[in-house]
Amino acid sequence: MKKNVLVLVCCLHTLFFATAHTTSVTPQAKESFKKAFPGALYATWETVDAGVYAVRFVNNHQSAIAYYGEDGNPLGLGSVIALSQLSNLPASVQQTLQRSFHNYTIRSAQEWVLPTSRLYCFDIASGETVFSVSIDETGKLQRKKPLQHF
């Protein structure tokens, strides 16, 4: 359950990152980030929740967002998957997409690397219907939620 809450927070955070407030980040979190991504560019830190920090950055020409606890422990890493690279997804994820959403168009895709698993998040559409879908690395559908348009 805790993992699902973290995943939900991470997915929602990417949508609303601009509204988060800047804060001072612990030296442990910054040091962990520097060790994990020594060539990262344009790092911008934000507070997600008490003791949880997010850093948005570019690494190897790819935008990413990483989450760290105040103790410096990594909590998750999210990156955009180019739609042209969907064929590189794990077979189990591709099978779930084909079986459950074959009439939908994938509009965006992200990979979330968590401490004990990977999760793939998609925005999919069919006509006017748009959903946010999460599938774990085994191909199990974790979440399907309608997206609201403003």
C-alpha atoms as a PDB file:
ATOM      1  CA  MET A   1       0.000   0.000   0.000  1.00  0.00           C
ATOM      2  CA  LYS A   2       2.818   2.420   0.886  1.00  0.00           C
ATOM      3  CA  LYS A   3       4.423   1.754  -2.515  1.00  0.00           C
ATOM      4  CA  ASN A   4       1.145   2.528  -4.296  1.00  0.00           C
ATOM      5  CA  VAL A   5       0.795   5.793  -2.387  1.00  0.00           C
ATOM      6  CA  LEU A   6       4.354   6.782  -3.343  1.00  0.00           C
ATOM      7  CA  VAL A   7       3.664   5.921  -6.989  1.00  0.00           C
ATOM      8  CA  LEU A   8       0.488   7.984  -6.964  1.00  0.00           C
ATOM      9  CA  VAL A   9       2.316  10.920  -5.372  1.00  0.00           C
ATOM     10  CA  CYS A  10       5.080  10.630  -7.967  1.00  0.00           C
ATOM     11  CA  CYS A  11       2.665  10.513 -10.909  1.00  0.00           C
ATOM     12  CA  LEU A  12       0.594  13.409  -9.618  1.00  0.00           C
ATOM     13  CA  HIS A  13       3.699  15.381  -8.777  1.00  0.00           C
ATOM     14  CA  THR A  14       4.864  15.334 -12.385  1.00  0.00           C
ATOM     15  CA  LEU A  15       1.580  16.929 -13.397  1.00  0.00           C
ATOM     16  CA  PHE A  16       1.738  19.669 -10.770  1.00  0.00           C
ATOM     17  CA  PHE A  17       5.481  20.198 -10.329  1.00  0.00           C
ATOM     18  CA  ALA A  18       5.312  23.892 -11.137  1.00  0.00           C
ATOM     19  CA  THR A  19       3.108  24.581  -8.107  1.00  0.00           C
ATOM     20  CA  ALA A  20       5.520  23.075  -5.590  1.00  0.00           C
ATOM     21  CA  HIS A  21       7.565  25.424  -3.434  1.00  0.00           C
ATOM     22  CA  THR A  22      11.328  25.691  -3.377  1.00  0.00           C
ATOM     23  CA  THR A  23      13.032  24.639  -0.182  1.00  0.00           C
ATOM     24  CA  SER A  24      16.428  23.983   1.247  1.00  0.00           C
ATOM     25  CA  VAL A  25      17.432  20.412   0.523  1.00  0.00           C
ATOM     26  CA  THR A  26      19.434  18.306   2.943  1.00  0.00           C
ATOM     27  CA  PRO A  27      23.108  17.784   2.070  1.00  0.00           C
ATOM     28  CA  GLN A  28      22.507  14.010   2.150  1.00  0.00           C
ATOM     29  CA  ALA A  29      19.862  14.216  -0.591  1.00  0.00           C
ATOM     30  CA  LYS A  30      22.053  16.458  -2.761  1.00  0.00           C
ATOM     31  CA  GLU A  31      25.081  14.202  -2.286  1.00  0.00           C
ATOM     32  CA  SER A  32      23.111  11.056  -3.219  1.00  0.00           C
ATOM     33  CA  PHE A  33      21.859  12.781  -6.355  1.00  0.00           C
ATOM     34  CA  LYS A  34      25.367  13.930  -7.360  1.00  0.00           C
ATOM     35  CA  LYS A  35      26.704  10.378  -6.932  1.00  0.00           C
ATOM     36  CA  ALA A  36      23.866   8.812  -8.909  1.00  0.00           C
ATOM     37  CA  PHE A  37      23.849  11.391 -11.723  1.00  0.00           C
ATOM     38  CA  PRO A  38      27.274  13.050 -11.938  1.00  0.00           C
ATOM     39  CA  GLY A  39      26.599  14.441 -15.427  1.00  0.00           C
ATOM     40  CA  ALA A  40      23.104  15.775 -14.719  1.00  0.00           C
ATOM     41  CA  LEU A  41      22.244  19.217 -16.037  1.00  0.00           C
ATOM     42  CA  TYR A  42      19.694  21.844 -15.003  1.00  0.00           C
ATOM     43  CA  ALA A  43      18.879  20.263 -11.623  1.00  0.00           C
ATOM     44  CA  THR A  44      15.951  21.983  -9.886  1.00  0.00           C
ATOM     45  CA  TRP A  45      14.967  20.888  -6.385  1.00  0.00           C
ATOM     46  CA  GLU A  46      11.508  21.087  -4.828  1.00  0.00           C
ATOM     47  CA  THR A  47       9.797  19.824  -1.697  1.00  0.00           C
ATOM     48  CA  VAL A  48       7.099  17.209  -2.303  1.00  0.00           C
ATOM     49  CA  ASP A  49       6.189  16.423   1.282  1.00  0.00           C
ATOM     50  CA  ALA A  50       7.820  16.617   4.692  1.00  0.00           C
ATOM     51  CA  GLY A  51      11.183  14.914   4.285  1.00  0.00           C
ATOM     52  CA  VAL A  52      10.700  14.110   0.582  1.00  0.00           C
ATOM     53  CA  TYR A  53      12.470  16.071  -2.149  1.00  0.00           C
ATOM     54  CA  ALA A  54      12.175  15.963  -5.911  1.00  0.00           C
ATOM     55  CA  VAL A  55      14.834  17.010  -8.363  1.00  0.00           C
ATOM     56  CA  ARG A  56      13.980  17.571 -12.024  1.00  0.00           C
ATOM     57  CA  PHE A  57      16.991  17.336 -14.325  1.00  0.00           C
ATOM     58  CA  VAL A  58      18.376  16.319 -17.720  1.00  0.00           C
ATOM     59  CA  ASN A  59      20.657  13.302 -17.969  1.00  0.00           C
ATOM     60  CA  ASN A  60      21.980  11.874 -21.232  1.00  0.00           C
ATOM     61  CA  HIS A  61      19.649  14.188 -23.196  1.00  0.00           C
ATOM     62  CA  GLN A  62      16.602  12.823 -21.355  1.00  0.00           C
ATOM     63  CA  SER A  63      14.382  14.665 -18.877  1.00  0.00           C
ATOM     64  CA  ALA A  64      13.937  12.905 -15.569  1.00  0.00           C
ATOM     65  CA  ILE A  65      12.727  13.435 -12.034  1.00  0.00           C
ATOM     66  CA  ALA A  66      14.173  11.728  -8.969  1.00  0.00           C
ATOM     67  CA  TYR A  67      12.810  11.574  -5.447  1.00  0.00           C
ATOM     68  CA  TYR A  68      14.966  11.434  -2.314  1.00  0.00           C
ATOM     69  CA  GLY A  69      14.285  11.224   1.387  1.00  0.00           C
ATOM     70  CA  GLU A  70      15.929  13.759   3.648  1.00  0.00           C
ATOM     71  CA  ASP A  71      18.403  11.031   4.650  1.00  0.00           C
ATOM     72  CA  GLY A  72      19.540  10.800   1.025  1.00  0.00           C
ATOM     73  CA  ASN A  73      17.878   7.462   0.274  1.00  0.00           C
ATOM     74  CA  PRO A  74      16.486   7.322  -3.279  1.00  0.00           C
ATOM     75  CA  LEU A  75      12.704   6.845  -3.373  1.00  0.00           C
ATOM     76  CA  GLY A  76      12.051   6.733  -7.114  1.00  0.00           C
ATOM     77  CA  LEU A  77      13.130   7.859 -10.562  1.00  0.00           C
ATOM     78  CA  GLY A  78      10.773   8.816 -13.349  1.00  0.00           C
ATOM     79  CA  SER A  79      11.640   9.359 -16.981  1.00  0.00           C
ATOM     80  CA  VAL A  80       9.734   9.948 -20.185  1.00  0.00           C
ATOM     81  CA  ILE A  81       9.582   7.120 -22.706  1.00  0.00           C
ATOM     82  CA  ALA A  82       9.564   8.298 -26.300  1.00  0.00           C
ATOM     83  CA  LEU A  83       6.542   6.922 -28.145  1.00  0.00           C
ATOM     84  CA  SER A  84       8.917   5.582 -30.789  1.00  0.00           C
ATOM     85  CA  GLN A  85      10.505   3.418 -28.051  1.00  0.00           C
ATOM     86  CA  LEU A  86       7.345   1.644 -26.844  1.00  0.00           C
ATOM     87  CA  SER A  87       8.510  -1.554 -28.540  1.00  0.00           C
ATOM     88  CA  ASN A  88      11.345  -1.640 -25.979  1.00  0.00           C
ATOM     89  CA  LEU A  89       8.922  -2.015 -23.073  1.00  0.00           C
ATOM     90  CA  PRO A  90       8.907  -5.363 -21.242  1.00  0.00           C
ATOM     91  CA  ALA A  91       6.841  -7.968 -23.097  1.00  0.00           C
ATOM     92  CA  SER A  92       4.441  -8.295 -20.162  1.00  0.00           C
ATOM     93  CA  VAL A  93       3.656  -4.561 -20.278  1.00  0.00           C
ATOM     94  CA  GLN A  94       3.221  -4.622 -24.060  1.00  0.00           C
ATOM     95  CA  GLN A  95       0.833  -7.598 -23.751  1.00  0.00           C
ATOM     96  CA  THR A  96      -1.322  -5.805 -21.163  1.00  0.00           C
ATOM     97  CA  LEU A  97      -1.489  -2.700 -23.339  1.00  0.00           C
ATOM     98  CA  GLN A  98      -2.453  -4.772 -26.383  1.00  0.00           C
ATOM     99  CA  ARG A  99      -4.983  -6.926 -24.513  1.00  0.00           C
ATOM    100  CA  SER A 100      -6.664  -4.173 -22.482  1.00  0.00           C
ATOM    101  CA  PHE A 101      -6.175  -1.013 -24.549  1.00  0.00           C
ATOM    102  CA  HIS A 102      -5.843  -2.077 -28.180  1.00  0.00           C
ATOM    103  CA  ASN A 103      -8.454   0.509 -29.289  1.00  0.00           C
ATOM    104  CA  TYR A 104      -6.662   3.356 -27.502  1.00  0.00           C
ATOM    105  CA  THR A 105      -3.878   5.670 -28.623  1.00  0.00           C
ATOM    106  CA  ILE A 106      -0.958   6.136 -26.263  1.00  0.00           C
ATOM    107  CA  ARG A 107      -0.383   9.870 -25.813  1.00  0.00           C
ATOM    108  CA  SER A 108       2.502   9.743 -23.336  1.00  0.00           C
ATOM    109  CA  ALA A 109       4.541   7.171 -21.444  1.00  0.00           C
ATOM    110  CA  GLN A 110       6.767   7.232 -18.368  1.00  0.00           C
ATOM    111  CA  GLU A 111       8.887   4.677 -16.576  1.00  0.00           C
ATOM    112  CA  TRP A 112       9.114   4.830 -12.779  1.00  0.00           C
ATOM    113  CA  VAL A 113      11.974   2.978 -11.128  1.00  0.00           C
ATOM    114  CA  LEU A 114      11.130   2.409  -7.470  1.00  0.00           C
ATOM    115  CA  PRO A 115      13.338   0.795  -4.824  1.00  0.00           C
ATOM    116  CA  THR A 116      11.772  -2.646  -5.334  1.00  0.00           C
ATOM    117  CA  SER A 117       9.967  -2.469  -8.684  1.00  0.00           C
ATOM    118  CA  ARG A 118       9.295  -0.655 -11.946  1.00  0.00           C
ATOM    119  CA  LEU A 119       6.042   0.937 -12.975  1.00  0.00           C
ATOM    120  CA  TYR A 120       4.956   2.184 -16.393  1.00  0.00           C
ATOM    121  CA  CYS A 121       2.462   5.061 -16.584  1.00  0.00           C
ATOM    122  CA  PHE A 122       0.555   5.970 -19.735  1.00  0.00           C
ATOM    123  CA  ASP A 123      -1.963   8.565 -20.817  1.00  0.00           C
ATOM    124  CA  ILE A 124      -4.182   6.819 -23.342  1.00  0.00           C
ATOM    125  CA  ALA A 125      -7.090   8.090 -25.417  1.00  0.00           C
ATOM    126  CA  SER A 126      -9.955   6.848 -27.516  1.00  0.00           C
ATOM    127  CA  GLY A 127     -11.978   9.658 -29.023  1.00  0.00           C
ATOM    128  CA  GLU A 128     -12.848  12.030 -26.181  1.00  0.00           C
ATOM    129  CA  THR A 129     -12.053   9.455 -23.487  1.00  0.00           C
ATOM    130  CA  VAL A 130      -8.649   9.865 -21.834  1.00  0.00           C
ATOM    131  CA  PHE A 131      -7.259   7.656 -19.063  1.00  0.00           C
ATOM    132  CA  SER A 132      -4.159   7.512 -16.925  1.00  0.00           C
ATOM    133  CA  VAL A 133      -3.007   3.898 -16.728  1.00  0.00           C
ATOM    134  CA  SER A 134      -0.289   2.311 -14.579  1.00  0.00           C
ATOM    135  CA  ILE A 135       1.103  -1.160 -15.273  1.00  0.00           C
ATOM    136  CA  ASP A 136       3.772  -2.859 -13.172  1.00  0.00           C
ATOM    137  CA  GLU A 137       6.743  -4.694 -14.649  1.00  0.00           C
ATOM    138  CA  THR A 138       4.891  -8.035 -14.481  1.00  0.00           C
ATOM    139  CA  GLY A 139       2.102  -6.673 -16.675  1.00  0.00           C
ATOM    140  CA  LYS A 140      -0.434  -6.263 -13.865  1.00  0.00           C
ATOM    141  CA  LEU A 141      -2.727  -3.264 -14.272  1.00  0.00           C
ATOM    142  CA  GLN A 142      -2.229  -1.173 -11.135  1.00  0.00           C
ATOM    143  CA  ARG A 143      -4.478   1.780 -11.863  1.00  0.00           C
ATOM    144  CA  LYS A 144      -6.821   3.092 -14.534  1.00  0.00           C
ATOM    145  CA  LYS A 145      -8.210   6.525 -13.842  1.00  0.00           C
ATOM    146  CA  PRO A 146     -10.118   8.905 -16.109  1.00  0.00           C
ATOM    147  CA  LEU A 147      -8.353  12.217 -16.674  1.00  0.00           C
ATOM    148  CA  GLN A 148     -10.325  15.423 -16.343  1.00  0.00           C
ATOM    149  CA  HIS A 149      -9.853  18.231 -18.821  1.00  0.00           C
ATOM    150  CA  PHE A 150      -9.964  21.829 -17.713  1.00  0.00           C
END
